[in-house]
Amino acid sequence: MLITCPQCLTKTRIATSRAISHETRELYCQCLNLNCGKTFVAHISFSHFIQSTGKKPDFDLQPELRKDNGQLEIFEHA
């Protein structure tokens, strides 16, 4: 994820974060511009779902899901 510095608009590094709720995280960021170096706090939060299909994933498109069958449990209740 790319967060830019509000002071100089340079890329930043997310040093750490903490959960505010299930839908919001507080990010502690550091500017990567040595001439700026600002540290600041940003918030990121869930907005809405775009579309829920309720279909099981296609293993040919997402082979990494084969490794953990526990990830598929969310589709059994849909």
Protein backbone atom coordinates (compact mmCIF):
# COMPACT_ATOMS: atom_id res chain seq x y z
CA MET A 1 0.00 0.00 0.00
CA LEU A 2 1.34 3.43 -0.88
CA ILE A 3 0.91 6.23 1.64
CA THR A 4 2.37 9.61 0.68
CA CYS A 5 3.63 12.26 3.04
CA PRO A 6 1.11 15.09 3.43
CA GLN A 7 4.01 17.57 3.72
CA CYS A 8 6.17 16.75 0.66
CA LEU A 9 4.10 14.08 -1.19
CA THR A 10 6.97 11.55 -1.08
CA LYS A 11 6.51 7.84 -0.39
CA THR A 12 6.38 6.84 3.25
CA ARG A 13 7.04 3.72 5.26
CA ILE A 14 4.40 2.28 7.56
CA ALA A 15 6.40 1.71 10.74
CA THR A 16 3.59 0.04 12.67
CA SER A 17 -0.16 -0.03 12.97
CA ARG A 18 -2.85 -0.90 15.47
CA ALA A 19 -6.46 -1.95 15.16
CA ILE A 20 -9.05 0.64 16.14
CA SER A 21 -11.90 -1.70 15.19
CA HIS A 22 -12.51 -4.60 12.81
CA GLU A 23 -12.91 -2.03 10.02
CA THR A 24 -10.31 0.64 10.91
CA ARG A 25 -6.54 0.64 11.50
CA GLU A 26 -4.32 3.46 12.71
CA LEU A 27 -1.03 3.64 10.74
CA TYR A 28 2.15 5.21 12.07
CA CYS A 29 4.11 6.43 9.04
CA GLN A 30 7.57 7.87 8.34
CA CYS A 31 8.43 9.97 5.30
CA LEU A 32 11.26 8.48 3.21
CA ASN A 33 12.45 11.90 2.01
CA LEU A 34 15.57 12.63 4.12
CA ASN A 35 14.99 16.38 3.74
CA CYS A 36 11.48 16.05 5.18
CA GLY A 37 11.46 13.07 7.55
CA LYS A 38 8.02 13.81 8.97
CA THR A 39 6.29 11.17 11.08
CA PHE A 40 2.51 11.12 11.15
CA VAL A 41 -0.56 9.04 11.87
CA ALA A 42 -3.07 8.00 9.20
CA HIS A 43 -6.26 5.95 9.35
CA ILE A 44 -7.45 3.36 6.87
CA SER A 45 -10.91 1.87 7.04
CA PHE A 46 -13.17 -0.51 5.20
CA SER A 47 -15.82 1.23 3.10
CA HIS A 48 -18.03 -1.35 1.40
CA PHE A 49 -18.13 -4.55 -0.59
CA ILE A 50 -18.16 -4.20 -4.35
CA GLN A 51 -19.82 -7.50 -5.17
CA SER A 52 -20.11 -10.77 -3.31
CA THR A 53 -20.41 -13.81 -5.54
CA GLY A 54 -20.52 -16.50 -2.88
CA LYS A 55 -18.67 -18.84 -5.25
CA LYS A 56 -15.68 -20.96 -4.28
CA PRO A 57 -12.38 -19.68 -5.69
CA ASP A 58 -10.96 -21.17 -8.86
CA PHE A 59 -7.80 -23.04 -7.83
CA ASP A 60 -6.30 -22.53 -11.28
CA LEU A 61 -6.47 -18.76 -10.72
CA GLN A 62 -5.51 -18.86 -7.01
CA PRO A 63 -3.36 -21.97 -6.42
CA GLU A 64 -2.15 -20.64 -3.05
CA LEU A 65 -5.60 -21.41 -1.61
CA ARG A 66 -5.01 -25.15 -2.06
CA LYS A 67 -2.44 -25.00 0.74
CA ASP A 68 -4.97 -24.09 3.44
CA ASN A 69 -8.40 -25.66 3.25
CA GLY A 70 -9.44 -23.58 6.28
CA GLN A 71 -9.68 -20.54 4.01
CA LEU A 72 -12.53 -22.17 2.11
CA GLU A 73 -14.78 -22.39 5.18
CA ILE A 74 -16.07 -18.87 4.53
CA PHE A 75 -17.70 -20.08 1.31
CA GLU A 76 -19.54 -22.97 2.94
CA HIS A 77 -21.86 -20.56 4.78
CA ALA A 78 -22.69 -18.43 1.73
